[in-house]
Each structure stands twice: as C-alpha cells, then as structure tokens.
Amino acid sequence: MQLKTTSLKLPKNLHYSLLQKVVEDGYGMRGKSRWILEAIEVFFNLSDYPTLVDLADSMDTLNDTLSIRLPIQTLQKIDEAVIFIRKDFPLMEGVKSKIIRASIMQRLLGRTVND
C-alpha cells in the first residue's frame, strides 16, 4: 500500500482531543494516521457527510498543523468527494482539509454509519 503525507490545520482543542482519543483507543502515538483513515472511511458512509463538511467550514483559529500518512486510494476518494461536495457548495474553499477535519470530529463524537 503506497502512502502519501498530507497536512492540514486544526484548532488546538480539536488536535488535543484527537491525540488523547487515539491513545485512549489503544492506537498509540504512531497510530494517529490509521485512526484518521478509519474515521474517513466511516465518514464517507454517512448519508449527510456533505452537510457535515459544510459545518466544519465554520471552524476558526486553525492554529495547529497535523501531518498524516494516507493511502493513495483514500486520497483519490477524498478528491472524488471534493467534486461531489462542490456541486452543493461551489464556493467552499479547502474542501480536502474540511473533509478530514469533519471525519475527525464525527469519530470523536462517536458517530457511526448506523446513527
């Protein structure tokens, strides 16, 4: 599986909650990318994920940088989702980062496909 590094900005409190949850869930500090990858996969199965990305648009004070390694296939799915989301929200900027931020938020909230 070929991996590619990508970076995004997060609010400090979301970044802290993410790191805390990754460790709490037993992934260890090196499991952050795997935890986020799983969050993205579940997120794309939510019927309302484009709306959730739009809600992530309202985040401010993005002052922490997060670097993660994701499979090329996942990054391609994110690119396809950008096109899909832009149909409903054509003026939205930074859609890739917002998808990842929204995925993280939904997993932290414990949201699954059945919810």
PDB file of N, CA and C in Angstrom:
ATOM      1  N   MET A   1       0.855  -1.179   0.000  1.00  0.00           N
ATOM      2  CA  MET A   1       0.000   0.000   0.000  1.00  0.00           C
ATOM      3  C   MET A   1       0.900   1.241   0.000  1.00  0.00           C
ATOM      4  N   GLN A   2       0.717   2.059  -1.001  1.00  0.00           N
ATOM      5  CA  GLN A   2       1.526   3.280  -1.116  1.00  0.00           C
ATOM      6  C   GLN A   2       0.869   4.407  -0.315  1.00  0.00           C
ATOM      7  N   LEU A   3       1.669   5.051   0.529  1.00  0.00           N
ATOM      8  CA  LEU A   3       1.184   6.121   1.393  1.00  0.00           C
ATOM      9  C   LEU A   3       1.727   7.461   0.934  1.00  0.00           C
ATOM     10  N   LYS A   4       0.943   8.496   1.194  1.00  0.00           N
ATOM     11  CA  LYS A   4       1.367   9.852   0.879  1.00  0.00           C
ATOM     12  C   LYS A   4       1.085  10.724   2.096  1.00  0.00           C
ATOM     13  N   THR A   5       2.024  11.607   2.412  1.00  0.00           N
ATOM     14  CA  THR A   5       1.857  12.501   3.551  1.00  0.00           C
ATOM     15  C   THR A   5       1.049  13.724   3.123  1.00  0.00           C
ATOM     16  N   THR A   6       0.127  14.103   3.973  1.00  0.00           N
ATOM     17  CA  THR A   6      -0.652  15.309   3.753  1.00  0.00           C
ATOM     18  C   THR A   6      -0.748  16.057   5.085  1.00  0.00           C
ATOM     19  N   SER A   7      -0.946  17.343   5.013  1.00  0.00           N
ATOM     20  CA  SER A   7      -1.038  18.175   6.220  1.00  0.00           C
ATOM     21  C   SER A   7      -2.301  18.998   6.182  1.00  0.00           C
ATOM     22  N   LEU A   8      -2.797  19.321   7.368  1.00  0.00           N
ATOM     23  CA  LEU A   8      -3.947  20.204   7.479  1.00  0.00           C
ATOM     24  C   LEU A   8      -3.858  20.952   8.798  1.00  0.00           C
ATOM     25  N   LYS A   9      -4.638  21.993   8.897  1.00  0.00           N
ATOM     26  CA  LYS A   9      -4.692  22.803  10.120  1.00  0.00           C
ATOM     27  C   LYS A   9      -5.904  22.383  10.947  1.00  0.00           C
ATOM     28  N   LEU A  10      -5.697  22.387  12.263  1.00  0.00           N
ATOM     29  CA  LEU A  10      -6.759  22.064  13.210  1.00  0.00           C
ATOM     30  C   LEU A  10      -6.784  23.097  14.327  1.00  0.00           C
ATOM     31  N   PRO A  11      -7.951  23.316  14.915  1.00  0.00           N
ATOM     32  CA  PRO A  11      -7.971  24.109  16.142  1.00  0.00           C
ATOM     33  C   PRO A  11      -7.203  23.349  17.224  1.00  0.00           C
ATOM     34  N   LYS A  12      -6.539  24.072  18.089  1.00  0.00           N
ATOM     35  CA  LYS A  12      -5.707  23.461  19.133  1.00  0.00           C
ATOM     36  C   LYS A  12      -6.493  22.452  19.981  1.00  0.00           C
ATOM     37  N   ASN A  13      -7.729  22.787  20.358  1.00  0.00           N
ATOM     38  CA  ASN A  13      -8.509  21.893  21.210  1.00  0.00           C
ATOM     39  C   ASN A  13      -8.911  20.608  20.478  1.00  0.00           C
ATOM     40  N   LEU A  14      -9.199  20.694  19.178  1.00  0.00           N
ATOM     41  CA  LEU A  14      -9.533  19.504  18.400  1.00  0.00           C
ATOM     42  C   LEU A  14      -8.301  18.605  18.251  1.00  0.00           C
ATOM     43  N   HIS A  15      -7.147  19.214  18.021  1.00  0.00           N
ATOM     44  CA  HIS A  15      -5.899  18.463  17.895  1.00  0.00           C
ATOM     45  C   HIS A  15      -5.601  17.718  19.201  1.00  0.00           C
ATOM     46  N   TYR A  16      -5.762  18.383  20.316  1.00  0.00           N
ATOM     47  CA  TYR A  16      -5.531  17.766  21.618  1.00  0.00           C
ATOM     48  C   TYR A  16      -6.508  16.609  21.850  1.00  0.00           C
ATOM     49  N   SER A  17      -7.783  16.830  21.549  1.00  0.00           N
ATOM     50  CA  SER A  17      -8.797  15.778  21.727  1.00  0.00           C
ATOM     51  C   SER A  17      -8.498  14.579  20.841  1.00  0.00           C
ATOM     52  N   LEU A  18      -8.042  14.846  19.625  1.00  0.00           N
ATOM     53  CA  LEU A  18      -7.679  13.776  18.695  1.00  0.00           C
ATOM     54  C   LEU A  18      -6.553  12.922  19.270  1.00  0.00           C
ATOM     55  N   LEU A  19      -5.467  13.569  19.688  1.00  0.00           N
ATOM     56  CA  LEU A  19      -4.327  12.827  20.221  1.00  0.00           C
ATOM     57  C   LEU A  19      -4.711  12.023  21.458  1.00  0.00           C
ATOM     58  N   GLN A  20      -5.515  12.628  22.311  1.00  0.00           N
ATOM     59  CA  GLN A  20      -5.969  11.955  23.534  1.00  0.00           C
ATOM     60  C   GLN A  20      -6.798  10.709  23.181  1.00  0.00           C
ATOM     61  N   LYS A  21      -7.706  10.837  22.217  1.00  0.00           N
ATOM     62  CA  LYS A  21      -8.590   9.728  21.822  1.00  0.00           C
ATOM     63  C   LYS A  21      -7.810   8.615  21.126  1.00  0.00           C
ATOM     64  N   VAL A  22      -6.825   8.978  20.305  1.00  0.00           N
ATOM     65  CA  VAL A  22      -6.001   7.981  19.618  1.00  0.00           C
ATOM     66  C   VAL A  22      -5.306   7.088  20.641  1.00  0.00           C
ATOM     67  N   VAL A  23      -4.728   7.699  21.663  1.00  0.00           N
ATOM     68  CA  VAL A  23      -4.043   6.940  22.712  1.00  0.00           C
ATOM     69  C   VAL A  23      -5.057   6.136  23.524  1.00  0.00           C
ATOM     70  N   GLU A  24      -6.166   6.777  23.881  1.00  0.00           N
ATOM     71  CA  GLU A  24      -7.219   6.127  24.672  1.00  0.00           C
ATOM     72  C   GLU A  24      -7.780   4.893  23.953  1.00  0.00           C
ATOM     73  N   ASP A  25      -7.888   4.960  22.627  1.00  0.00           N
ATOM     74  CA  ASP A  25      -8.425   3.848  21.838  1.00  0.00           C
ATOM     75  C   ASP A  25      -7.390   2.755  21.589  1.00  0.00           C
ATOM     76  N   GLY A  26      -6.162   2.949  22.098  1.00  0.00           N
ATOM     77  CA  GLY A  26      -5.145   1.911  22.000  1.00  0.00           C
ATOM     78  C   GLY A  26      -4.318   1.920  20.727  1.00  0.00           C
ATOM     79  N   TYR A  27      -4.357   3.014  19.985  1.00  0.00           N
ATOM     80  CA  TYR A  27      -3.584   3.099  18.741  1.00  0.00           C
ATOM     81  C   TYR A  27      -2.142   3.542  18.984  1.00  0.00           C
ATOM     82  N   GLY A  28      -1.878   4.143  20.119  1.00  0.00           N
ATOM     83  CA  GLY A  28      -0.543   4.664  20.394  1.00  0.00           C
ATOM     84  C   GLY A  28      -0.280   5.908  19.558  1.00  0.00           C
ATOM     85  N   MET A  29       0.807   6.594  19.869  1.00  0.00           N
ATOM     86  CA  MET A  29       1.094   7.853  19.157  1.00  0.00           C
ATOM     87  C   MET A  29       1.442   7.622  17.691  1.00  0.00           C
ATOM     88  N   ARG A  30       1.863   6.431  17.326  1.00  0.00           N
ATOM     89  CA  ARG A  30       2.176   6.142  15.930  1.00  0.00           C
ATOM     90  C   ARG A  30       0.944   5.690  15.143  1.00  0.00           C
ATOM     91  N   GLY A  31      -0.189   5.551  15.817  1.00  0.00           N
ATOM     92  CA  GLY A  31      -1.400   5.078  15.165  1.00  0.00           C
ATOM     93  C   GLY A  31      -2.357   6.174  14.736  1.00  0.00           C
ATOM     94  N   LYS A  32      -1.922   7.409  14.835  1.00  0.00           N
ATOM     95  CA  LYS A  32      -2.778   8.559  14.511  1.00  0.00           C
ATOM     96  C   LYS A  32      -3.312   8.482  13.075  1.00  0.00           C
ATOM     97  N   SER A  33      -2.437   8.199  12.110  1.00  0.00           N
ATOM     98  CA  SER A  33      -2.865   8.148  10.708  1.00  0.00           C
ATOM     99  C   SER A  33      -3.878   7.027  10.483  1.00  0.00           C
ATOM    100  N   ARG A  34      -3.657   5.878  11.122  1.00  0.00           N
ATOM    101  CA  ARG A  34      -4.591   4.750  10.970  1.00  0.00           C
ATOM    102  C   ARG A  34      -5.954   5.112  11.570  1.00  0.00           C
ATOM    103  N   TRP A  35      -5.950   5.771  12.726  1.00  0.00           N
ATOM    104  CA  TRP A  35      -7.194   6.196  13.375  1.00  0.00           C
ATOM    105  C   TRP A  35      -7.962   7.150  12.455  1.00  0.00           C
ATOM    106  N   ILE A  36      -7.254   8.100  11.865  1.00  0.00           N
ATOM    107  CA  ILE A  36      -7.886   9.086  10.977  1.00  0.00           C
ATOM    108  C   ILE A  36      -8.369   8.417   9.694  1.00  0.00           C
ATOM    109  N   LEU A  37      -7.589   7.482   9.160  1.00  0.00           N
ATOM    110  CA  LEU A  37      -8.011   6.743   7.970  1.00  0.00           C
ATOM    111  C   LEU A  37      -9.338   6.030   8.232  1.00  0.00           C
ATOM    112  N   GLU A  38      -9.447   5.370   9.360  1.00  0.00           N
ATOM    113  CA  GLU A  38     -10.697   4.697   9.721  1.00  0.00           C
ATOM    114  C   GLU A  38     -11.838   5.704   9.868  1.00  0.00           C
ATOM    115  N   ALA A  39     -11.536   6.867  10.432  1.00  0.00           N
ATOM    116  CA  ALA A  39     -12.560   7.907  10.587  1.00  0.00           C
ATOM    117  C   ALA A  39     -13.071   8.375   9.222  1.00  0.00           C
ATOM    118  N   ILE A  40     -12.164   8.529   8.263  1.00  0.00           N
ATOM    119  CA  ILE A  40     -12.545   8.968   6.914  1.00  0.00           C
ATOM    120  C   ILE A  40     -13.415   7.908   6.241  1.00  0.00           C
ATOM    121  N   GLU A  41     -13.032   6.640   6.369  1.00  0.00           N
ATOM    122  CA  GLU A  41     -13.802   5.562   5.740  1.00  0.00           C
ATOM    123  C   GLU A  41     -15.231   5.517   6.272  1.00  0.00           C
ATOM    124  N   VAL A  42     -15.394   5.655   7.581  1.00  0.00           N
ATOM    125  CA  VAL A  42     -16.740   5.662   8.176  1.00  0.00           C
ATOM    126  C   VAL A  42     -17.490   6.925   7.747  1.00  0.00           C
ATOM    127  N   PHE A  43     -16.788   8.042   7.725  1.00  0.00           N
ATOM    128  CA  PHE A  43     -17.400   9.328   7.370  1.00  0.00           C
ATOM    129  C   PHE A  43     -18.043   9.285   5.989  1.00  0.00           C
ATOM    130  N   PHE A  44     -17.348   8.698   5.015  1.00  0.00           N
ATOM    131  CA  PHE A  44     -17.887   8.640   3.651  1.00  0.00           C
ATOM    132  C   PHE A  44     -19.127   7.755   3.548  1.00  0.00           C
ATOM    133  N   ASN A  45     -19.385   6.936   4.555  1.00  0.00           N
ATOM    134  CA  ASN A  45     -20.588   6.103   4.556  1.00  0.00           C
ATOM    135  C   ASN A  45     -21.781   6.787   5.217  1.00  0.00           C
ATOM    136  N   LEU A  46     -21.559   7.967   5.781  1.00  0.00           N
ATOM    137  CA  LEU A  46     -22.659   8.732   6.375  1.00  0.00           C
ATOM    138  C   LEU A  46     -23.437   9.419   5.251  1.00  0.00           C
ATOM    139  N   SER A  47     -24.734   9.313   5.284  1.00  0.00           N
ATOM    140  CA  SER A  47     -25.544   9.889   4.200  1.00  0.00           C
ATOM    141  C   SER A  47     -25.464  11.414   4.149  1.00  0.00           C
ATOM    142  N   ASP A  48     -25.216  12.051   5.285  1.00  0.00           N
ATOM    143  CA  ASP A  48     -25.201  13.510   5.333  1.00  0.00           C
ATOM    144  C   ASP A  48     -23.785  14.098   5.371  1.00  0.00           C
ATOM    145  N   TYR A  49     -22.786  13.347   4.892  1.00  0.00           N
ATOM    146  CA  TYR A  49     -21.416  13.843   5.034  1.00  0.00           C
ATOM    147  C   TYR A  49     -21.155  15.177   4.332  1.00  0.00           C
ATOM    148  N   PRO A  50     -21.786  15.491   3.171  1.00  0.00           N
ATOM    149  CA  PRO A  50     -21.516  16.819   2.590  1.00  0.00           C
ATOM    150  C   PRO A  50     -21.953  17.971   3.506  1.00  0.00           C
ATOM    151  N   THR A  51     -23.070  17.787   4.196  1.00  0.00           N
ATOM    152  CA  THR A  51     -23.548  18.810   5.120  1.00  0.00           C
ATOM    153  C   THR A  51     -22.602  18.941   6.312  1.00  0.00           C
ATOM    154  N   LEU A  52     -22.068  17.818   6.764  1.00  0.00           N
ATOM    155  CA  LEU A  52     -21.122  17.846   7.883  1.00  0.00           C
ATOM    156  C   LEU A  52     -19.822  18.557   7.504  1.00  0.00           C
ATOM    157  N   VAL A  53     -19.415  18.432   6.243  1.00  0.00           N
ATOM    158  CA  VAL A  53     -18.234  19.160   5.766  1.00  0.00           C
ATOM    159  C   VAL A  53     -18.528  20.653   5.771  1.00  0.00           C
ATOM    160  N   ASP A  54     -19.738  21.016   5.376  1.00  0.00           N
ATOM    161  CA  ASP A  54     -20.129  22.428   5.393  1.00  0.00           C
ATOM    162  C   ASP A  54     -20.103  22.967   6.818  1.00  0.00           C
ATOM    163  N   LEU A  55     -20.522  22.168   7.800  1.00  0.00           N
ATOM    164  CA  LEU A  55     -20.477  22.597   9.198  1.00  0.00           C
ATOM    165  C   LEU A  55     -19.035  22.780   9.666  1.00  0.00           C
ATOM    166  N   ALA A  56     -18.127  21.942   9.177  1.00  0.00           N
ATOM    167  CA  ALA A  56     -16.712  22.064   9.537  1.00  0.00           C
ATOM    168  C   ALA A  56     -16.112  23.346   8.969  1.00  0.00           C
ATOM    169  N   ASP A  57     -16.816  23.933   8.008  1.00  0.00           N
ATOM    170  CA  ASP A  57     -16.370  25.177   7.390  1.00  0.00           C
ATOM    171  C   ASP A  57     -16.357  26.329   8.388  1.00  0.00           C
ATOM    172  N   SER A  58     -17.133  26.204   9.450  1.00  0.00           N
ATOM    173  CA  SER A  58     -17.254  27.305  10.416  1.00  0.00           C
ATOM    174  C   SER A  58     -16.148  27.298  11.475  1.00  0.00           C
ATOM    175  N   MET A  59     -15.237  26.338  11.410  1.00  0.00           N
ATOM    176  CA  MET A  59     -14.146  26.299  12.397  1.00  0.00           C
ATOM    177  C   MET A  59     -13.230  27.498  12.199  1.00  0.00           C
ATOM    178  N   ASP A  60     -12.825  28.058  13.317  1.00  0.00           N
ATOM    179  CA  ASP A  60     -11.873  29.167  13.228  1.00  0.00           C
ATOM    180  C   ASP A  60     -10.646  28.844  14.075  1.00  0.00           C
ATOM    181  N   THR A  61      -9.728  29.733  14.107  1.00  0.00           N
ATOM    182  CA  THR A  61      -8.445  29.583  14.819  1.00  0.00           C
ATOM    183  C   THR A  61      -7.794  28.227  14.555  1.00  0.00           C
ATOM    184  N   LEU A  62      -7.510  27.982  13.290  1.00  0.00           N
ATOM    185  CA  LEU A  62      -6.822  26.764  12.884  1.00  0.00           C
ATOM    186  C   LEU A  62      -5.335  26.989  13.091  1.00  0.00           C
ATOM    187  N   ASN A  63      -4.869  26.746  14.315  1.00  0.00           N
ATOM    188  CA  ASN A  63      -3.506  27.140  14.657  1.00  0.00           C
ATOM    189  C   ASN A  63      -2.539  25.979  14.873  1.00  0.00           C
ATOM    190  N   ASP A  64      -3.003  24.733  14.794  1.00  0.00           N
ATOM    191  CA  ASP A  64      -2.110  23.574  14.912  1.00  0.00           C
ATOM    192  C   ASP A  64      -2.040  22.864  13.565  1.00  0.00           C
ATOM    193  N   THR A  65      -0.861  22.395  13.202  1.00  0.00           N
ATOM    194  CA  THR A  65      -0.686  21.654  11.959  1.00  0.00           C
ATOM    195  C   THR A  65      -0.597  20.170  12.270  1.00  0.00           C
ATOM    196  N   LEU A  66      -1.334  19.392  11.513  1.00  0.00           N
ATOM    197  CA  LEU A  66      -1.360  17.946  11.667  1.00  0.00           C
ATOM    198  C   LEU A  66      -0.872  17.320  10.368  1.00  0.00           C
ATOM    199  N   SER A  67       0.132  16.462  10.444  1.00  0.00           N
ATOM    200  CA  SER A  67       0.620  15.725   9.277  1.00  0.00           C
ATOM    201  C   SER A  67       0.237  14.266   9.456  1.00  0.00           C
ATOM    202  N   ILE A  68      -0.325  13.691   8.390  1.00  0.00           N
ATOM    203  CA  ILE A  68      -0.734  12.291   8.432  1.00  0.00           C
ATOM    204  C   ILE A  68      -0.322  11.613   7.135  1.00  0.00           C
ATOM    205  N   ARG A  69      -0.236  10.292   7.184  1.00  0.00           N
ATOM    206  CA  ARG A  69       0.085   9.496   6.008  1.00  0.00           C
ATOM    207  C   ARG A  69      -1.145   8.672   5.659  1.00  0.00           C
ATOM    208  N   LEU A  70      -1.646   8.862   4.446  1.00  0.00           N
ATOM    209  CA  LEU A  70      -2.844   8.159   3.990  1.00  0.00           C
ATOM    210  C   LEU A  70      -2.541   7.390   2.710  1.00  0.00           C
ATOM    211  N   PRO A  71      -3.249   6.269   2.494  1.00  0.00           N
ATOM    212  CA  PRO A  71      -3.087   5.541   1.238  1.00  0.00           C
ATOM    213  C   PRO A  71      -3.522   6.400   0.050  1.00  0.00           C
ATOM    214  N   ILE A  72      -2.857   6.201  -1.071  1.00  0.00           N
ATOM    215  CA  ILE A  72      -3.191   6.931  -2.298  1.00  0.00           C
ATOM    216  C   ILE A  72      -4.675   6.747  -2.636  1.00  0.00           C
ATOM    217  N   GLN A  73      -5.212   5.531  -2.433  1.00  0.00           N
ATOM    218  CA  GLN A  73      -6.617   5.254  -2.745  1.00  0.00           C
ATOM    219  C   GLN A  73      -7.555   6.133  -1.921  1.00  0.00           C
ATOM    220  N   THR A  74      -7.212   6.358  -0.666  1.00  0.00           N
ATOM    221  CA  THR A  74      -8.037   7.209   0.194  1.00  0.00           C
ATOM    222  C   THR A  74      -7.981   8.649  -0.286  1.00  0.00           C
ATOM    223  N   LEU A  75      -6.802   9.107  -0.669  1.00  0.00           N
ATOM    224  CA  LEU A  75      -6.677  10.474  -1.184  1.00  0.00           C
ATOM    225  C   LEU A  75      -7.469  10.640  -2.472  1.00  0.00           C
ATOM    226  N   GLN A  76      -7.547   9.586  -3.285  1.00  0.00           N
ATOM    227  CA  GLN A  76      -8.363   9.644  -4.504  1.00  0.00           C
ATOM    228  C   GLN A  76      -9.845   9.730  -4.160  1.00  0.00           C
ATOM    229  N   LYS A  77     -10.278   8.983  -3.122  1.00  0.00           N
ATOM    230  CA  LYS A  77     -11.672   9.070  -2.668  1.00  0.00           C
ATOM    231  C   LYS A  77     -11.988  10.473  -2.162  1.00  0.00           C
ATOM    232  N   ILE A  78     -11.033  11.074  -1.467  1.00  0.00           N
ATOM    233  CA  ILE A  78     -11.226  12.439  -0.980  1.00  0.00           C
ATOM    234  C   ILE A  78     -11.357  13.395  -2.161  1.00  0.00           C
ATOM    235  N   ASP A  79     -10.521  13.230  -3.188  1.00  0.00           N
ATOM    236  CA  ASP A  79     -10.617  14.076  -4.390  1.00  0.00           C
ATOM    237  C   ASP A  79     -11.988  13.941  -5.059  1.00  0.00           C
ATOM    238  N   GLU A  80     -12.505  12.712  -5.126  1.00  0.00           N
ATOM    239  CA  GLU A  80     -13.836  12.492  -5.708  1.00  0.00           C
ATOM    240  C   GLU A  80     -14.909  13.162  -4.846  1.00  0.00           C
ATOM    241  N   ALA A  81     -14.750  13.086  -3.539  1.00  0.00           N
ATOM    242  CA  ALA A  81     -15.714  13.711  -2.628  1.00  0.00           C
ATOM    243  C   ALA A  81     -15.685  15.228  -2.761  1.00  0.00           C
ATOM    244  N   VAL A  82     -14.507  15.797  -3.026  1.00  0.00           N
ATOM    245  CA  VAL A  82     -14.397  17.253  -3.224  1.00  0.00           C
ATOM    246  C   VAL A  82     -15.300  17.672  -4.376  1.00  0.00           C
ATOM    247  N   ILE A  83     -15.253  16.932  -5.465  1.00  0.00           N
ATOM    248  CA  ILE A  83     -16.084  17.250  -6.636  1.00  0.00           C
ATOM    249  C   ILE A  83     -17.567  17.141  -6.274  1.00  0.00           C
ATOM    250  N   PHE A  84     -17.914  16.067  -5.559  1.00  0.00           N
ATOM    251  CA  PHE A  84     -19.301  15.848  -5.153  1.00  0.00           C
ATOM    252  C   PHE A  84     -19.799  16.977  -4.245  1.00  0.00           C
ATOM    253  N   ILE A  85     -19.004  17.358  -3.271  1.00  0.00           N
ATOM    254  CA  ILE A  85     -19.380  18.403  -2.312  1.00  0.00           C
ATOM    255  C   ILE A  85     -19.474  19.762  -2.998  1.00  0.00           C
ATOM    256  N   ARG A  86     -18.565  20.025  -3.921  1.00  0.00           N
ATOM    257  CA  ARG A  86     -18.573  21.313  -4.620  1.00  0.00           C
ATOM    258  C   ARG A  86     -19.824  21.516  -5.458  1.00  0.00           C
ATOM    259  N   LYS A  87     -20.522  20.440  -5.808  1.00  0.00           N
ATOM    260  CA  LYS A  87     -21.793  20.573  -6.540  1.00  0.00           C
ATOM    261  C   LYS A  87     -22.827  21.272  -5.667  1.00  0.00           C
ATOM    262  N   ASP A  88     -22.815  20.957  -4.367  1.00  0.00           N
ATOM    263  CA  ASP A  88     -23.761  21.576  -3.425  1.00  0.00           C
ATOM    264  C   ASP A  88     -23.226  22.877  -2.839  1.00  0.00           C
ATOM    265  N   PHE A  89     -21.892  22.968  -2.700  1.00  0.00           N
ATOM    266  CA  PHE A  89     -21.268  24.127  -2.071  1.00  0.00           C
ATOM    267  C   PHE A  89     -20.132  24.627  -2.978  1.00  0.00           C
ATOM    268  N   PRO A  90     -20.483  25.239  -4.115  1.00  0.00           N
ATOM    269  CA  PRO A  90     -19.472  25.591  -5.131  1.00  0.00           C
ATOM    270  C   PRO A  90     -18.413  26.596  -4.676  1.00  0.00           C
ATOM    271  N   LEU A  91     -18.689  27.397  -3.695  1.00  0.00           N
ATOM    272  CA  LEU A  91     -17.731  28.421  -3.267  1.00  0.00           C
ATOM    273  C   LEU A  91     -16.859  27.975  -2.102  1.00  0.00           C
ATOM    274  N   MET A  92     -17.068  26.764  -1.613  1.00  0.00           N
ATOM    275  CA  MET A  92     -16.305  26.287  -0.467  1.00  0.00           C
ATOM    276  C   MET A  92     -14.836  26.122  -0.847  1.00  0.00           C
ATOM    277  N   GLU A  93     -13.966  26.620   0.006  1.00  0.00           N
ATOM    278  CA  GLU A  93     -12.516  26.503  -0.189  1.00  0.00           C
ATOM    279  C   GLU A  93     -11.946  25.486   0.785  1.00  0.00           C
ATOM    280  N   GLY A  94     -10.820  24.904   0.450  1.00  0.00           N
ATOM    281  CA  GLY A  94     -10.135  23.984   1.352  1.00  0.00           C
ATOM    282  C   GLY A  94     -10.944  22.753   1.691  1.00  0.00           C
ATOM    283  N   VAL A  95     -11.633  22.210   0.701  1.00  0.00           N
ATOM    284  CA  VAL A  95     -12.569  21.113   0.949  1.00  0.00           C
ATOM    285  C   VAL A  95     -11.864  19.856   1.465  1.00  0.00           C
ATOM    286  N   LYS A  96     -10.686  19.540   0.948  1.00  0.00           N
ATOM    287  CA  LYS A  96      -9.967  18.333   1.399  1.00  0.00           C
ATOM    288  C   LYS A  96      -9.721  18.371   2.904  1.00  0.00           C
ATOM    289  N   SER A  97      -9.187  19.482   3.374  1.00  0.00           N
ATOM    290  CA  SER A  97      -8.912  19.616   4.811  1.00  0.00           C
ATOM    291  C   SER A  97     -10.196  19.563   5.616  1.00  0.00           C
ATOM    292  N   LYS A  98     -11.246  20.158   5.096  1.00  0.00           N
ATOM    293  CA  LYS A  98     -12.525  20.158   5.809  1.00  0.00           C
ATOM    294  C   LYS A  98     -13.106  18.758   5.903  1.00  0.00           C
ATOM    295  N   ILE A  99     -12.904  17.944   4.863  1.00  0.00           N
ATOM    296  CA  ILE A  99     -13.370  16.555   4.902  1.00  0.00           C
ATOM    297  C   ILE A  99     -12.653  15.808   6.030  1.00  0.00           C
ATOM    298  N   ILE A 100     -11.350  15.982   6.111  1.00  0.00           N
ATOM    299  CA  ILE A 100     -10.581  15.286   7.141  1.00  0.00           C
ATOM    300  C   ILE A 100     -10.956  15.795   8.532  1.00  0.00           C
ATOM    301  N   ARG A 101     -11.089  17.134   8.678  1.00  0.00           N
ATOM    302  CA  ARG A 101     -11.497  17.688   9.976  1.00  0.00           C
ATOM    303  C   ARG A 101     -12.872  17.179  10.392  1.00  0.00           C
ATOM    304  N   ALA A 102     -13.819  17.163   9.443  1.00  0.00           N
ATOM    305  CA  ALA A 102     -15.173  16.688   9.754  1.00  0.00           C
ATOM    306  C   ALA A 102     -15.156  15.204  10.120  1.00  0.00           C
ATOM    307  N   SER A 103     -14.316  14.418   9.452  1.00  0.00           N
ATOM    308  CA  SER A 103     -14.189  12.991   9.766  1.00  0.00           C
ATOM    309  C   SER A 103     -13.696  12.798  11.197  1.00  0.00           C
ATOM    310  N   ILE A 104     -12.691  13.575  11.555  1.00  0.00           N
ATOM    311  CA  ILE A 104     -12.136  13.503  12.910  1.00  0.00           C
ATOM    312  C   ILE A 104     -13.209  13.874  13.934  1.00  0.00           C
ATOM    313  N   MET A 105     -13.906  14.962  13.679  1.00  0.00           N
ATOM    314  CA  MET A 105     -14.947  15.417  14.620  1.00  0.00           C
ATOM    315  C   MET A 105     -16.030  14.357  14.805  1.00  0.00           C
ATOM    316  N   GLN A 106     -16.471  13.751  13.705  1.00  0.00           N
ATOM    317  CA  GLN A 106     -17.544  12.763  13.797  1.00  0.00           C
ATOM    318  C   GLN A 106     -17.091  11.524  14.557  1.00  0.00           C
ATOM    319  N   ARG A 107     -15.838  11.115  14.356  1.00  0.00           N
ATOM    320  CA  ARG A 107     -15.349   9.949  15.110  1.00  0.00           C
ATOM    321  C   ARG A 107     -15.193  10.294  16.585  1.00  0.00           C
ATOM    322  N   LEU A 108     -14.732  11.502  16.882  1.00  0.00           N
ATOM    323  CA  LEU A 108     -14.628  11.911  18.284  1.00  0.00           C
ATOM    324  C   LEU A 108     -16.008  11.933  18.950  1.00  0.00           C
ATOM    325  N   LEU A 109     -17.024  12.271  18.176  1.00  0.00           N
ATOM    326  CA  LEU A 109     -18.392  12.289  18.694  1.00  0.00           C
ATOM    327  C   LEU A 109     -18.991  10.880  18.789  1.00  0.00           C
ATOM    328  N   GLY A 110     -18.266   9.900  18.236  1.00  0.00           N
ATOM    329  CA  GLY A 110     -18.730   8.524  18.294  1.00  0.00           C
ATOM    330  C   GLY A 110     -19.755   8.178  17.248  1.00  0.00           C
ATOM    331  N   ARG A 111     -19.831   8.971  16.195  1.00  0.00           N
ATOM    332  CA  ARG A 111     -20.831   8.753  15.147  1.00  0.00           C
ATOM    333  C   ARG A 111     -20.422   7.596  14.252  1.00  0.00           C
ATOM    334  N   THR A 112     -21.352   6.696  14.011  1.00  0.00           N
ATOM    335  CA  THR A 112     -21.116   5.578  13.096  1.00  0.00           C
ATOM    336  C   THR A 112     -22.185   5.600  12.011  1.00  0.00           C
ATOM    337  N   VAL A 113     -22.058   4.704  11.065  1.00  0.00           N
ATOM    338  CA  VAL A 113     -22.996   4.671   9.929  1.00  0.00           C
ATOM    339  C   VAL A 113     -24.426   4.444  10.393  1.00  0.00           C
ATOM    340  N   ASN A 114     -24.614   3.689  11.464  1.00  0.00           N
ATOM    341  CA  ASN A 114     -25.961   3.357  11.923  1.00  0.00           C
ATOM    342  C   ASN A 114     -26.653   4.488  12.678  1.00  0.00           C
ATOM    343  N   ASP A 115     -25.912   5.530  13.030  1.00  0.00           N
ATOM    344  CA  ASP A 115     -26.511   6.625  13.815  1.00  0.00           C
ATOM    345  C   ASP A 115     -27.452   7.462  12.975  1.00  0.00           C
TER     346      ASP A 115
END
